[in-house]
PDB file of N, CA and C in Angstrom:
ATOM      1  N   MET A   1     -17.166   2.778  -2.592  1.00  0.00           N
ATOM      2  CA  MET A   1     -16.137   3.121  -3.555  1.00  0.00           C
ATOM      3  C   MET A   1     -16.563   4.319  -4.386  1.00  0.00           C
ATOM      4  N   GLY A   2     -16.853   5.384  -3.723  1.00  0.00           N
ATOM      5  CA  GLY A   2     -17.243   6.570  -4.451  1.00  0.00           C
ATOM      6  C   GLY A   2     -16.136   7.123  -5.328  1.00  0.00           C
ATOM      7  N   PHE A   3     -14.936   7.118  -4.820  1.00  0.00           N
ATOM      8  CA  PHE A   3     -13.791   7.648  -5.543  1.00  0.00           C
ATOM      9  C   PHE A   3     -12.600   6.728  -5.346  1.00  0.00           C
ATOM     10  N   PRO A   4     -12.591   5.592  -6.042  1.00  0.00           N
ATOM     11  CA  PRO A   4     -11.463   4.678  -5.830  1.00  0.00           C
ATOM     12  C   PRO A   4     -10.165   5.236  -6.381  1.00  0.00           C
ATOM     13  N   ILE A   5      -9.103   4.914  -5.706  1.00  0.00           N
ATOM     14  CA  ILE A   5      -7.770   5.263  -6.172  1.00  0.00           C
ATOM     15  C   ILE A   5      -7.112   3.944  -6.528  1.00  0.00           C
ATOM     16  N   ALA A   6      -6.616   3.843  -7.744  1.00  0.00           N
ATOM     17  CA  ALA A   6      -6.089   2.565  -8.213  1.00  0.00           C
ATOM     18  C   ALA A   6      -4.721   2.733  -8.853  1.00  0.00           C
ATOM     19  N   ALA A   7      -3.937   1.694  -8.712  1.00  0.00           N
ATOM     20  CA  ALA A   7      -2.648   1.604  -9.403  1.00  0.00           C
ATOM     21  C   ALA A   7      -2.865   0.711 -10.625  1.00  0.00           C
ATOM     22  N   PRO A   8      -1.990   0.788 -11.597  1.00  0.00           N
ATOM     23  CA  PRO A   8      -2.167  -0.038 -12.788  1.00  0.00           C
ATOM     24  C   PRO A   8      -2.002  -1.526 -12.487  1.00  0.00           C
ATOM     25  N   PRO A   9      -2.613  -2.379 -13.293  1.00  0.00           N
ATOM     26  CA  PRO A   9      -2.433  -3.819 -13.093  1.00  0.00           C
ATOM     27  C   PRO A   9      -0.949  -4.177 -13.133  1.00  0.00           C
ATOM     28  N   GLY A  10      -0.571  -5.096 -12.277  1.00  0.00           N
ATOM     29  CA  GLY A  10       0.815  -5.534 -12.245  1.00  0.00           C
ATOM     30  C   GLY A  10       1.746  -4.645 -11.434  1.00  0.00           C
ATOM     31  N   ALA A  11       1.190  -3.658 -10.746  1.00  0.00           N
ATOM     32  CA  ALA A  11       2.038  -2.782  -9.915  1.00  0.00           C
ATOM     33  C   ALA A  11       2.721  -3.643  -8.848  1.00  0.00           C
ATOM     34  N   PRO A  12       3.996  -3.410  -8.598  1.00  0.00           N
ATOM     35  CA  PRO A  12       4.712  -4.206  -7.600  1.00  0.00           C
ATOM     36  C   PRO A  12       4.055  -4.100  -6.218  1.00  0.00           C
ATOM     37  N   ALA A  13       4.007  -5.213  -5.517  1.00  0.00           N
ATOM     38  CA  ALA A  13       3.345  -5.277  -4.210  1.00  0.00           C
ATOM     39  C   ALA A  13       3.900  -4.255  -3.226  1.00  0.00           C
ATOM     40  N   ASP A  14       5.215  -4.018  -3.265  1.00  0.00           N
ATOM     41  CA  ASP A  14       5.782  -3.052  -2.320  1.00  0.00           C
ATOM     42  C   ASP A  14       5.260  -1.649  -2.589  1.00  0.00           C
ATOM     43  N   ARG A  15       5.051  -1.312  -3.851  1.00  0.00           N
ATOM     44  CA  ARG A  15       4.511   0.025  -4.175  1.00  0.00           C
ATOM     45  C   ARG A  15       3.050   0.123  -3.780  1.00  0.00           C
ATOM     46  N   VAL A  16       2.293  -0.947  -4.022  1.00  0.00           N
ATOM     47  CA  VAL A  16       0.886  -0.947  -3.617  1.00  0.00           C
ATOM     48  C   VAL A  16       0.792  -0.775  -2.104  1.00  0.00           C
ATOM     49  N   ASN A  17       1.610  -1.499  -1.374  1.00  0.00           N
ATOM     50  CA  ASN A  17       1.606  -1.383   0.087  1.00  0.00           C
ATOM     51  C   ASN A  17       1.996   0.023   0.540  1.00  0.00           C
ATOM     52  N   THR A  18       2.969   0.633  -0.137  1.00  0.00           N
ATOM     53  CA  THR A  18       3.374   2.000   0.198  1.00  0.00           C
ATOM     54  C   THR A  18       2.233   2.978  -0.060  1.00  0.00           C
ATOM     55  N   LEU A  19       1.553   2.817  -1.189  1.00  0.00           N
ATOM     56  CA  LEU A  19       0.416   3.694  -1.505  1.00  0.00           C
ATOM     57  C   LEU A  19      -0.712   3.519  -0.496  1.00  0.00           C
ATOM     58  N   ARG A  20      -0.998   2.276  -0.137  1.00  0.00           N
ATOM     59  CA  ARG A  20      -2.065   2.019   0.844  1.00  0.00           C
ATOM     60  C   ARG A  20      -1.713   2.631   2.201  1.00  0.00           C
ATOM     61  N   LYS A  21      -0.451   2.522   2.599  1.00  0.00           N
ATOM     62  CA  LYS A  21       0.000   3.089   3.876  1.00  0.00           C
ATOM     63  C   LYS A  21      -0.123   4.616   3.837  1.00  0.00           C
ATOM     64  N   ALA A  22       0.322   5.218   2.751  1.00  0.00           N
ATOM     65  CA  ALA A  22       0.245   6.681   2.623  1.00  0.00           C
ATOM     66  C   ALA A  22      -1.208   7.149   2.635  1.00  0.00           C
ATOM     67  N   PHE A  23      -2.078   6.399   1.976  1.00  0.00           N
ATOM     68  CA  PHE A  23      -3.498   6.756   1.947  1.00  0.00           C
ATOM     69  C   PHE A  23      -4.086   6.686   3.361  1.00  0.00           C
ATOM     70  N   ALA A  24      -3.771   5.613   4.081  1.00  0.00           N
ATOM     71  CA  ALA A  24      -4.263   5.463   5.456  1.00  0.00           C
ATOM     72  C   ALA A  24      -3.752   6.592   6.348  1.00  0.00           C
ATOM     73  N   GLU A  25      -2.485   6.962   6.167  1.00  0.00           N
ATOM     74  CA  GLU A  25      -1.920   8.058   6.964  1.00  0.00           C
ATOM     75  C   GLU A  25      -2.601   9.385   6.637  1.00  0.00           C
ATOM     76  N   THR A  26      -2.916   9.593   5.378  1.00  0.00           N
ATOM     77  CA  THR A  26      -3.624  10.817   4.986  1.00  0.00           C
ATOM     78  C   THR A  26      -4.984  10.872   5.659  1.00  0.00           C
ATOM     79  N   LEU A  27      -5.704   9.761   5.653  1.00  0.00           N
ATOM     80  CA  LEU A  27      -7.037   9.733   6.255  1.00  0.00           C
ATOM     81  C   LEU A  27      -6.994   9.926   7.767  1.00  0.00           C
ATOM     82  N   ALA A  28      -5.848   9.668   8.376  1.00  0.00           N
ATOM     83  CA  ALA A  28      -5.692   9.857   9.819  1.00  0.00           C
ATOM     84  C   ALA A  28      -5.113  11.227  10.164  1.00  0.00           C
ATOM     85  N   ASP A  29      -4.716  11.988   9.161  1.00  0.00           N
ATOM     86  CA  ASP A  29      -4.096  13.294   9.394  1.00  0.00           C
ATOM     87  C   ASP A  29      -5.129  14.276   9.942  1.00  0.00           C
ATOM     88  N   PRO A  30      -4.878  14.883  11.091  1.00  0.00           N
ATOM     89  CA  PRO A  30      -5.852  15.798  11.706  1.00  0.00           C
ATOM     90  C   PRO A  30      -6.217  16.986  10.812  1.00  0.00           C
ATOM     91  N   VAL A  31      -5.270  17.512  10.076  1.00  0.00           N
ATOM     92  CA  VAL A  31      -5.557  18.653   9.195  1.00  0.00           C
ATOM     93  C   VAL A  31      -6.487  18.212   8.063  1.00  0.00           C
ATOM     94  N   PHE A  32      -6.218  17.049   7.490  1.00  0.00           N
ATOM     95  CA  PHE A  32      -7.074  16.519   6.428  1.00  0.00           C
ATOM     96  C   PHE A  32      -8.492  16.275   6.953  1.00  0.00           C
ATOM     97  N   VAL A  33      -8.586  15.625   8.115  1.00  0.00           N
ATOM     98  CA  VAL A  33      -9.887  15.319   8.710  1.00  0.00           C
ATOM     99  C   VAL A  33     -10.653  16.605   9.020  1.00  0.00           C
ATOM    100  N   ALA A  34      -9.980  17.585   9.584  1.00  0.00           N
ATOM    101  CA  ALA A  34     -10.635  18.856   9.915  1.00  0.00           C
ATOM    102  C   ALA A  34     -11.134  19.553   8.659  1.00  0.00           C
ATOM    103  N   ASP A  35     -10.342  19.534   7.604  1.00  0.00           N
ATOM    104  CA  ASP A  35     -10.756  20.169   6.355  1.00  0.00           C
ATOM    105  C   ASP A  35     -11.971  19.450   5.767  1.00  0.00           C
ATOM    106  N   ALA A  36     -11.966  18.122   5.803  1.00  0.00           N
ATOM    107  CA  ALA A  36     -13.104  17.355   5.296  1.00  0.00           C
ATOM    108  C   ALA A  36     -14.359  17.667   6.100  1.00  0.00           C
ATOM    109  N   GLU A  37     -14.218  17.740   7.414  1.00  0.00           N
ATOM    110  CA  GLU A  37     -15.367  18.058   8.265  1.00  0.00           C
ATOM    111  C   GLU A  37     -15.887  19.459   7.979  1.00  0.00           C
ATOM    112  N   LYS A  38     -14.978  20.408   7.802  1.00  0.00           N
ATOM    113  CA  LYS A  38     -15.364  21.791   7.508  1.00  0.00           C
ATOM    114  C   LYS A  38     -16.168  21.874   6.208  1.00  0.00           C
ATOM    115  N   ARG A  39     -15.825  21.020   5.260  1.00  0.00           N
ATOM    116  CA  ARG A  39     -16.508  21.013   3.963  1.00  0.00           C
ATOM    117  C   ARG A  39     -17.690  20.044   3.919  1.00  0.00           C
ATOM    118  N   ASN A  40     -17.989  19.423   5.063  1.00  0.00           N
ATOM    119  CA  ASN A  40     -19.061  18.430   5.148  1.00  0.00           C
ATOM    120  C   ASN A  40     -18.855  17.280   4.165  1.00  0.00           C
ATOM    121  N   LEU A  41     -17.604  16.846   4.029  1.00  0.00           N
ATOM    122  CA  LEU A  41     -17.282  15.718   3.156  1.00  0.00           C
ATOM    123  C   LEU A  41     -17.102  14.471   4.010  1.00  0.00           C
ATOM    124  N   PRO A  42     -17.977  13.506   3.855  1.00  0.00           N
ATOM    125  CA  PRO A  42     -17.817  12.287   4.653  1.00  0.00           C
ATOM    126  C   PRO A  42     -16.611  11.481   4.172  1.00  0.00           C
ATOM    127  N   ILE A  43     -15.884  10.948   5.104  1.00  0.00           N
ATOM    128  CA  ILE A  43     -14.731  10.104   4.791  1.00  0.00           C
ATOM    129  C   ILE A  43     -15.068   8.700   5.280  1.00  0.00           C
ATOM    130  N   ARG A  44     -15.304   7.809   4.325  1.00  0.00           N
ATOM    131  CA  ARG A  44     -15.628   6.422   4.657  1.00  0.00           C
ATOM    132  C   ARG A  44     -14.740   5.511   3.801  1.00  0.00           C
ATOM    133  N   PRO A  45     -13.502   5.331   4.214  1.00  0.00           N
ATOM    134  CA  PRO A  45     -12.582   4.549   3.400  1.00  0.00           C
ATOM    135  C   PRO A  45     -12.918   3.057   3.388  1.00  0.00           C
ATOM    136  N   SER A  46     -12.599   2.428   2.289  1.00  0.00           N
ATOM    137  CA  SER A  46     -12.699   0.973   2.164  1.00  0.00           C
ATOM    138  C   SER A  46     -11.282   0.416   2.149  1.00  0.00           C
ATOM    139  N   PRO A  47     -11.075  -0.733   2.775  1.00  0.00           N
ATOM    140  CA  PRO A  47      -9.729  -1.322   2.752  1.00  0.00           C
ATOM    141  C   PRO A  47      -9.265  -1.590   1.322  1.00  0.00           C
ATOM    142  N   GLY A  48      -7.976  -1.401   1.096  1.00  0.00           N
ATOM    143  CA  GLY A  48      -7.415  -1.563  -0.238  1.00  0.00           C
ATOM    144  C   GLY A  48      -7.670  -2.922  -0.852  1.00  0.00           C
ATOM    145  N   ASP A  49      -7.622  -3.981  -0.038  1.00  0.00           N
ATOM    146  CA  ASP A  49      -7.853  -5.303  -0.615  1.00  0.00           C
ATOM    147  C   ASP A  49      -9.286  -5.468  -1.091  1.00  0.00           C
ATOM    148  N   GLU A  50     -10.248  -4.817  -0.421  1.00  0.00           N
ATOM    149  CA  GLU A  50     -11.637  -4.867  -0.870  1.00  0.00           C
ATOM    150  C   GLU A  50     -11.812  -4.111  -2.188  1.00  0.00           C
ATOM    151  N   VAL A  51     -11.204  -2.937  -2.271  1.00  0.00           N
ATOM    152  CA  VAL A  51     -11.273  -2.149  -3.506  1.00  0.00           C
ATOM    153  C   VAL A  51     -10.641  -2.941  -4.655  1.00  0.00           C
ATOM    154  N   GLN A  52      -9.532  -3.592  -4.363  1.00  0.00           N
ATOM    155  CA  GLN A  52      -8.845  -4.385  -5.390  1.00  0.00           C
ATOM    156  C   GLN A  52      -9.743  -5.517  -5.896  1.00  0.00           C
ATOM    157  N   LYS A  53     -10.464  -6.181  -5.004  1.00  0.00           N
ATOM    158  CA  LYS A  53     -11.376  -7.257  -5.419  1.00  0.00           C
ATOM    159  C   LYS A  53     -12.471  -6.725  -6.344  1.00  0.00           C
ATOM    160  N   VAL A  54     -13.046  -5.587  -5.978  1.00  0.00           N
ATOM    161  CA  VAL A  54     -14.109  -5.009  -6.797  1.00  0.00           C
ATOM    162  C   VAL A  54     -13.565  -4.597  -8.159  1.00  0.00           C
ATOM    163  N   MET A  55     -12.431  -3.911  -8.167  1.00  0.00           N
ATOM    164  CA  MET A  55     -11.842  -3.474  -9.434  1.00  0.00           C
ATOM    165  C   MET A  55     -11.499  -4.665 -10.324  1.00  0.00           C
ATOM    166  N   THR A  56     -10.953  -5.715  -9.726  1.00  0.00           N
ATOM    167  CA  THR A  56     -10.619  -6.915 -10.497  1.00  0.00           C
ATOM    168  C   THR A  56     -11.874  -7.540 -11.094  1.00  0.00           C
ATOM    169  N   SER A  57     -12.950  -7.589 -10.319  1.00  0.00           N
ATOM    170  CA  SER A  57     -14.185  -8.169 -10.855  1.00  0.00           C
ATOM    171  C   SER A  57     -14.747  -7.322 -11.997  1.00  0.00           C
ATOM    172  N   ILE A  58     -14.546  -6.020 -11.921  1.00  0.00           N
ATOM    173  CA  ILE A  58     -15.038  -5.137 -12.987  1.00  0.00           C
ATOM    174  C   ILE A  58     -14.230  -5.336 -14.265  1.00  0.00           C
ATOM    175  N   ILE A  59     -12.914  -5.337 -14.153  1.00  0.00           N
ATOM    176  CA  ILE A  59     -12.101  -5.410 -15.372  1.00  0.00           C
ATOM    177  C   ILE A  59     -12.061  -6.807 -15.979  1.00  0.00           C
ATOM    178  N   THR A  60     -12.515  -7.799 -15.220  1.00  0.00           N
ATOM    179  CA  THR A  60     -12.556  -9.155 -15.777  1.00  0.00           C
ATOM    180  C   THR A  60     -13.962  -9.584 -16.163  1.00  0.00           C
ATOM    181  N   THR A  61     -14.881  -8.626 -16.228  1.00  0.00           N
ATOM    182  CA  THR A  61     -16.240  -8.935 -16.659  1.00  0.00           C
ATOM    183  C   THR A  61     -16.193  -9.444 -18.095  1.00  0.00           C
ATOM    184  N   PRO A  62     -16.797 -10.600 -18.346  1.00  0.00           N
ATOM    185  CA  PRO A  62     -16.775 -11.160 -19.703  1.00  0.00           C
ATOM    186  C   PRO A  62     -17.408 -10.204 -20.722  1.00  0.00           C
ATOM    187  N   PRO A  63     -16.834 -10.123 -21.921  1.00  0.00           N
ATOM    188  CA  PRO A  63     -17.348  -9.212 -22.953  1.00  0.00           C
ATOM    189  C   PRO A  63     -18.825  -9.429 -23.260  1.00  0.00           C
ATOM    190  N   GLU A  64     -19.295 -10.675 -23.201  1.00  0.00           N
ATOM    191  CA  GLU A  64     -20.710 -10.925 -23.502  1.00  0.00           C
ATOM    192  C   GLU A  64     -21.625 -10.313 -22.438  1.00  0.00           C
ATOM    193  N   VAL A  65     -21.153 -10.261 -21.194  1.00  0.00           N
ATOM    194  CA  VAL A  65     -21.931  -9.619 -20.129  1.00  0.00           C
ATOM    195  C   VAL A  65     -21.940  -8.105 -20.339  1.00  0.00           C
ATOM    196  N   VAL A  66     -20.815  -7.542 -20.719  1.00  0.00           N
ATOM    197  CA  VAL A  66     -20.732  -6.110 -21.010  1.00  0.00           C
ATOM    198  C   VAL A  66     -21.700  -5.755 -22.140  1.00  0.00           C
ATOM    199  N   ALA A  67     -21.749  -6.589 -23.171  1.00  0.00           N
ATOM    200  CA  ALA A  67     -22.652  -6.344 -24.304  1.00  0.00           C
ATOM    201  C   ALA A  67     -24.114  -6.362 -23.857  1.00  0.00           C
ATOM    202  N   ILE A  68     -24.465  -7.300 -22.993  1.00  0.00           N
ATOM    203  CA  ILE A  68     -25.844  -7.370 -22.482  1.00  0.00           C
ATOM    204  C   ILE A  68     -26.174  -6.113 -21.682  1.00  0.00           C
ATOM    205  N   LEU A  69     -25.243  -5.689 -20.828  1.00  0.00           N
ATOM    206  CA  LEU A  69     -25.466  -4.483 -20.031  1.00  0.00           C
ATOM    207  C   LEU A  69     -25.600  -3.241 -20.901  1.00  0.00           C
ATOM    208  N   LYS A  70     -24.753  -3.131 -21.930  1.00  0.00           N
ATOM    209  CA  LYS A  70     -24.840  -1.984 -22.842  1.00  0.00           C
ATOM    210  C   LYS A  70     -26.200  -1.951 -23.527  1.00  0.00           C
ATOM    211  N   ALA A  71     -26.674  -3.098 -23.966  1.00  0.00           N
ATOM    212  CA  ALA A  71     -27.981  -3.166 -24.633  1.00  0.00           C
ATOM    213  C   ALA A  71     -29.097  -2.776 -23.662  1.00  0.00           C
ATOM    214  N   ALA A  72     -29.008  -3.251 -22.425  1.00  0.00           N
ATOM    215  CA  ALA A  72     -30.036  -2.926 -21.433  1.00  0.00           C
ATOM    216  C   ALA A  72     -30.046  -1.436 -21.125  1.00  0.00           C
ATOM    217  N   ILE A  73     -28.867  -0.844 -21.016  1.00  0.00           N
ATOM    218  CA  ILE A  73     -28.785   0.597 -20.743  1.00  0.00           C
ATOM    219  C   ILE A  73     -29.345   1.384 -21.914  1.00  0.00           C
ATOM    220  N   ALA A  74     -29.023   0.969 -23.132  1.00  0.00           N
ATOM    221  CA  ALA A  74     -29.528   1.665 -24.321  1.00  0.00           C
ATOM    222  C   ALA A  74     -31.046   1.602 -24.375  1.00  0.00           C
ATOM    223  N   GLU A  75     -31.624   0.459 -24.011  1.00  0.00           N
ATOM    224  CA  GLU A  75     -33.084   0.314 -24.020  1.00  0.00           C
ATOM    225  C   GLU A  75     -33.737   1.140 -22.918  1.00  0.00           C
ATOM    226  N   ALA A  76     -33.054   1.327 -21.809  1.00  0.00           N
ATOM    227  CA  ALA A  76     -33.607   2.041 -20.670  1.00  0.00           C
ATOM    228  C   ALA A  76     -33.567   3.554 -20.828  1.00  0.00           C
ATOM    229  N   LYS A  77     -32.772   4.047 -21.777  1.00  0.00           N
ATOM    230  CA  LYS A  77     -32.682   5.500 -21.972  1.00  0.00           C
ATOM    231  C   LYS A  77     -34.019   6.016 -22.494  1.00  0.00           C
ATOM    232  N   PRO A  78     -34.498   7.106 -21.921  1.00  0.00           N
ATOM    233  CA  PRO A  78     -35.748   7.676 -22.431  1.00  0.00           C
ATOM    234  C   PRO A  78     -35.547   8.222 -23.842  1.00  0.00           C
ATOM    235  N   ASP A  79     -36.559   8.079 -24.639  1.00  0.00           N
ATOM    236  CA  ASP A  79     -36.501   8.590 -26.009  1.00  0.00           C
ATOM    237  C   ASP A  79     -36.476  10.107 -25.956  1.00  0.00           C
ATOM    238  N   SER A  80     -35.437  10.711 -26.479  1.00  0.00           N
ATOM    239  CA  SER A  80     -35.297  12.170 -26.397  1.00  0.00           C
ATOM    240  C   SER A  80     -36.419  12.877 -27.152  1.00  0.00           C
ATOM    241  N   ARG A  81     -36.984  12.229 -28.154  1.00  0.00           N
ATOM    242  CA  ARG A  81     -38.090  12.852 -28.912  1.00  0.00           C
ATOM    243  C   ARG A  81     -39.357  12.911 -28.073  1.00  0.00           C
ATOM    244  N   ALA A  82     -39.546  11.937 -27.160  1.00  0.00           N
ATOM    245  CA  ALA A  82     -40.733  11.910 -26.336  1.00  0.00           C
ATOM    246  C   ALA A  82     -40.740  13.036 -25.304  1.00  0.00           C
ATOM    247  N   ALA A  83     -39.572  13.527 -24.956  1.00  0.00           N
ATOM    248  CA  ALA A  83     -39.461  14.581 -23.943  1.00  0.00           C
ATOM    249  C   ALA A  83     -39.805  15.951 -24.497  1.00  0.00           C
ATOM    250  N   ARG A  84     -39.940  16.067 -25.808  1.00  0.00           N
ATOM    251  CA  ARG A  84     -40.218  17.387 -26.416  1.00  0.00           C
ATOM    252  C   ARG A  84     -41.644  17.802 -26.298  1.00  0.00           C
TER     253      ARG A  84
END
């Protein structure tokens, strides 16, 4: 999920399906594929339902877990004064 594309929560299923179909068609388009290859951009799509599961797990992370992660990240940052 390097660059996920997401619709807002509660998006109607028919629109989500239309977006997923359009995305799949884009990834199969020969001009798109050739341009990606020319630019050495790897195309490794993940199925929409898998991306949706990951996104849902992220946005439903309990606030107390987010707080623990924020504290851990803050502690892991190198002291900017030590780098001088």
